[in-house]
Amino acid sequence: MESNYHTLKRTDNQLLVITHLSQLLTYVTGFGGLLAPLIIWATQKEQVDGMDAHGKSILNFQLSMLVYSIISIPLIFALGLGIVTLILIAILAFVMPIVNAIKASNGELPSYPLSLNFIS
């Protein structure tokens, strides 16, 4: 007889919240905002209910912010437009993980604006 024990996932909203808030490591250490959620998602997506959806949303958002930042750098030379977009990206990348951590604590799915779909 086969057991379904290994296919059962646990509900862990606290780990989902930590995964969202780990994106803020970039503001503390200068890096880690992409690495920490990637490691948590890769190691826990099979064990935690909802981790796969949350992790993919986080990684898509972080990769999108990286792409937008890279695009903004040449725009700095075009009338300083890139500086404005970098400031807006920084604000968005700071606020949205907090908003989605609150959503995760309430059991809701995350919604990151301007997020490109790299991982589906």
C-alpha atoms as a PDB file:
ATOM      1  CA  MET A   1       0.000   0.000   0.000  1.00  0.00           C
ATOM      2  CA  GLU A   2       1.192   3.462  -0.853  1.00  0.00           C
ATOM      3  CA  SER A   3       0.944   6.243   1.659  1.00  0.00           C
ATOM      4  CA  ASN A   4      -0.192   9.778   0.840  1.00  0.00           C
ATOM      5  CA  TYR A   5       1.845  11.111   3.741  1.00  0.00           C
ATOM      6  CA  HIS A   6       4.526  12.607   1.509  1.00  0.00           C
ATOM      7  CA  THR A   7       2.013  14.384  -0.719  1.00  0.00           C
ATOM      8  CA  LEU A   8       0.326  16.285   2.115  1.00  0.00           C
ATOM      9  CA  LYS A   9       1.397  19.899   2.461  1.00  0.00           C
ATOM     10  CA  ARG A  10       1.293  21.875   5.663  1.00  0.00           C
ATOM     11  CA  THR A  11      -0.230  25.328   5.996  1.00  0.00           C
ATOM     12  CA  ASP A  12       2.434  27.768   7.145  1.00  0.00           C
ATOM     13  CA  ASN A  13       1.385  31.400   6.694  1.00  0.00           C
ATOM     14  CA  GLN A  14       4.308  32.562   8.847  1.00  0.00           C
ATOM     15  CA  LEU A  15       6.841  31.116   6.414  1.00  0.00           C
ATOM     16  CA  LEU A  16       4.973  32.757   3.530  1.00  0.00           C
ATOM     17  CA  VAL A  17       5.177  36.093   5.361  1.00  0.00           C
ATOM     18  CA  ILE A  18       8.901  35.599   5.998  1.00  0.00           C
ATOM     19  CA  THR A  19       9.406  34.765   2.333  1.00  0.00           C
ATOM     20  CA  HIS A  20       7.731  38.024   1.271  1.00  0.00           C
ATOM     21  CA  LEU A  21       9.611  40.094   3.844  1.00  0.00           C
ATOM     22  CA  SER A  22      12.951  38.496   2.939  1.00  0.00           C
ATOM     23  CA  GLN A  23      12.864  40.632  -0.210  1.00  0.00           C
ATOM     24  CA  LEU A  24      13.662  43.604   2.013  1.00  0.00           C
ATOM     25  CA  LEU A  25      17.153  42.193   2.666  1.00  0.00           C
ATOM     26  CA  THR A  26      18.309  44.258  -0.297  1.00  0.00           C
ATOM     27  CA  TYR A  27      17.651  47.426   1.707  1.00  0.00           C
ATOM     28  CA  VAL A  28      19.553  46.094   4.731  1.00  0.00           C
ATOM     29  CA  THR A  29      22.505  44.217   3.244  1.00  0.00           C
ATOM     30  CA  GLY A  30      22.602  45.434  -0.363  1.00  0.00           C
ATOM     31  CA  PHE A  31      21.826  41.985  -1.723  1.00  0.00           C
ATOM     32  CA  GLY A  32      19.704  38.985  -0.845  1.00  0.00           C
ATOM     33  CA  GLY A  33      16.323  40.305  -1.946  1.00  0.00           C
ATOM     34  CA  LEU A  34      16.281  37.782  -4.760  1.00  0.00           C
ATOM     35  CA  LEU A  35      18.450  35.072  -3.232  1.00  0.00           C
ATOM     36  CA  ALA A  36      16.650  34.526   0.083  1.00  0.00           C
ATOM     37  CA  PRO A  37      13.143  34.072  -1.405  1.00  0.00           C
ATOM     38  CA  LEU A  38      14.632  31.841  -4.115  1.00  0.00           C
ATOM     39  CA  ILE A  39      16.225  29.545  -1.539  1.00  0.00           C
ATOM     40  CA  ILE A  40      13.095  29.440   0.642  1.00  0.00           C
ATOM     41  CA  TRP A  41      10.863  28.751  -2.369  1.00  0.00           C
ATOM     42  CA  ALA A  42      13.151  26.070  -3.804  1.00  0.00           C
ATOM     43  CA  THR A  43      13.427  24.198  -0.519  1.00  0.00           C
ATOM     44  CA  GLN A  44       9.836  24.553   0.720  1.00  0.00           C
ATOM     45  CA  LYS A  45       7.586  24.547  -2.369  1.00  0.00           C
ATOM     46  CA  GLU A  46       6.833  20.832  -1.969  1.00  0.00           C
ATOM     47  CA  GLN A  47       6.150  21.012   1.781  1.00  0.00           C
ATOM     48  CA  VAL A  48       4.173  24.226   2.291  1.00  0.00           C
ATOM     49  CA  ASP A  49       0.720  24.827   0.852  1.00  0.00           C
ATOM     50  CA  GLY A  50       0.739  27.931  -1.361  1.00  0.00           C
ATOM     51  CA  MET A  51       4.523  28.339  -1.351  1.00  0.00           C
ATOM     52  CA  ASP A  52       4.799  27.560  -5.052  1.00  0.00           C
ATOM     53  CA  ALA A  53       2.382  30.348  -6.053  1.00  0.00           C
ATOM     54  CA  HIS A  54       3.830  32.853  -3.589  1.00  0.00           C
ATOM     55  CA  GLY A  55       7.424  31.999  -4.501  1.00  0.00           C
ATOM     56  CA  LYS A  56       6.796  32.336  -8.221  1.00  0.00           C
ATOM     57  CA  SER A  57       5.108  35.705  -7.681  1.00  0.00           C
ATOM     58  CA  ILE A  58       8.008  36.937  -5.571  1.00  0.00           C
ATOM     59  CA  LEU A  59      10.656  35.785  -8.032  1.00  0.00           C
ATOM     60  CA  ASN A  60       8.770  37.240 -11.001  1.00  0.00           C
ATOM     61  CA  PHE A  61       8.480  40.546  -9.144  1.00  0.00           C
ATOM     62  CA  GLN A  62      12.149  40.636  -8.150  1.00  0.00           C
ATOM     63  CA  LEU A  63      13.303  39.759 -11.669  1.00  0.00           C
ATOM     64  CA  SER A  64      10.952  42.402 -13.087  1.00  0.00           C
ATOM     65  CA  MET A  65      12.368  45.055 -10.740  1.00  0.00           C
ATOM     66  CA  LEU A  66      15.868  44.035 -11.824  1.00  0.00           C
ATOM     67  CA  VAL A  67      14.942  44.380 -15.519  1.00  0.00           C
ATOM     68  CA  TYR A  68      13.268  47.745 -14.925  1.00  0.00           C
ATOM     69  CA  SER A  69      16.334  48.966 -13.016  1.00  0.00           C
ATOM     70  CA  ILE A  70      18.668  47.917 -15.817  1.00  0.00           C
ATOM     71  CA  ILE A  71      16.442  49.674 -18.365  1.00  0.00           C
ATOM     72  CA  SER A  72      16.418  52.813 -16.189  1.00  0.00           C
ATOM     73  CA  ILE A  73      20.199  53.183 -16.116  1.00  0.00           C
ATOM     74  CA  PRO A  74      20.552  54.406 -19.732  1.00  0.00           C
ATOM     75  CA  LEU A  75      17.515  56.634 -19.174  1.00  0.00           C
ATOM     76  CA  ILE A  76      19.516  58.623 -16.608  1.00  0.00           C
ATOM     77  CA  PHE A  77      21.290  60.276 -19.525  1.00  0.00           C
ATOM     78  CA  ALA A  78      17.940  61.147 -21.141  1.00  0.00           C
ATOM     79  CA  LEU A  79      16.986  64.227 -19.106  1.00  0.00           C
ATOM     80  CA  GLY A  80      17.357  62.371 -15.806  1.00  0.00           C
ATOM     81  CA  LEU A  81      14.258  60.280 -16.451  1.00  0.00           C
ATOM     82  CA  GLY A  82      16.085  57.187 -15.209  1.00  0.00           C
ATOM     83  CA  ILE A  83      16.581  58.701 -11.753  1.00  0.00           C
ATOM     84  CA  VAL A  84      12.844  59.198 -11.375  1.00  0.00           C
ATOM     85  CA  THR A  85      12.110  55.643 -12.509  1.00  0.00           C
ATOM     86  CA  LEU A  86      14.766  54.217 -10.162  1.00  0.00           C
ATOM     87  CA  ILE A  87      13.184  56.073  -7.246  1.00  0.00           C
ATOM     88  CA  LEU A  88       9.746  54.745  -8.196  1.00  0.00           C
ATOM     89  CA  ILE A  89      11.135  51.219  -8.540  1.00  0.00           C
ATOM     90  CA  ALA A  90      12.761  51.481  -5.088  1.00  0.00           C
ATOM     91  CA  ILE A  91       9.499  52.639  -3.514  1.00  0.00           C
ATOM     92  CA  LEU A  92       7.495  49.900  -5.239  1.00  0.00           C
ATOM     93  CA  ALA A  93      10.063  47.234  -4.305  1.00  0.00           C
ATOM     94  CA  PHE A  94       9.874  48.350  -0.659  1.00  0.00           C
ATOM     95  CA  VAL A  95       6.103  48.704  -0.278  1.00  0.00           C
ATOM     96  CA  MET A  96       4.787  45.690  -2.213  1.00  0.00           C
ATOM     97  CA  PRO A  97       6.565  42.976  -0.172  1.00  0.00           C
ATOM     98  CA  ILE A  98       5.052  44.454   2.997  1.00  0.00           C
ATOM     99  CA  VAL A  99       1.569  44.618   1.445  1.00  0.00           C
ATOM    100  CA  ASN A 100       1.819  41.047   0.184  1.00  0.00           C
ATOM    101  CA  ALA A 101       3.218  39.794   3.502  1.00  0.00           C
ATOM    102  CA  ILE A 102       0.063  41.117   5.140  1.00  0.00           C
ATOM    103  CA  LYS A 103      -2.007  39.373   2.464  1.00  0.00           C
ATOM    104  CA  ALA A 104      -0.094  36.131   3.044  1.00  0.00           C
ATOM    105  CA  SER A 105      -0.736  36.314   6.782  1.00  0.00           C
ATOM    106  CA  ASN A 106      -4.449  36.525   5.983  1.00  0.00           C
ATOM    107  CA  GLY A 107      -4.260  33.560   3.614  1.00  0.00           C
ATOM    108  CA  GLU A 108      -4.672  35.622   0.430  1.00  0.00           C
ATOM    109  CA  LEU A 109      -2.714  35.258  -2.800  1.00  0.00           C
ATOM    110  CA  PRO A 110      -0.109  37.918  -3.610  1.00  0.00           C
ATOM    111  CA  SER A 111      -0.503  40.516  -6.332  1.00  0.00           C
ATOM    112  CA  TYR A 112       2.584  42.337  -7.530  1.00  0.00           C
ATOM    113  CA  PRO A 113       1.994  45.132 -10.062  1.00  0.00           C
ATOM    114  CA  LEU A 114       4.175  45.488 -13.162  1.00  0.00           C
ATOM    115  CA  SER A 115       5.437  41.956 -12.676  1.00  0.00           C
ATOM    116  CA  LEU A 116       6.596  40.169 -15.814  1.00  0.00           C
ATOM    117  CA  ASN A 117       5.933  36.430 -16.002  1.00  0.00           C
ATOM    118  CA  PHE A 118       9.398  34.820 -16.088  1.00  0.00           C
ATOM    119  CA  ILE A 119       8.499  31.737 -14.027  1.00  0.00           C
ATOM    120  CA  SER A 120       5.115  30.169 -14.598  1.00  0.00           C
END
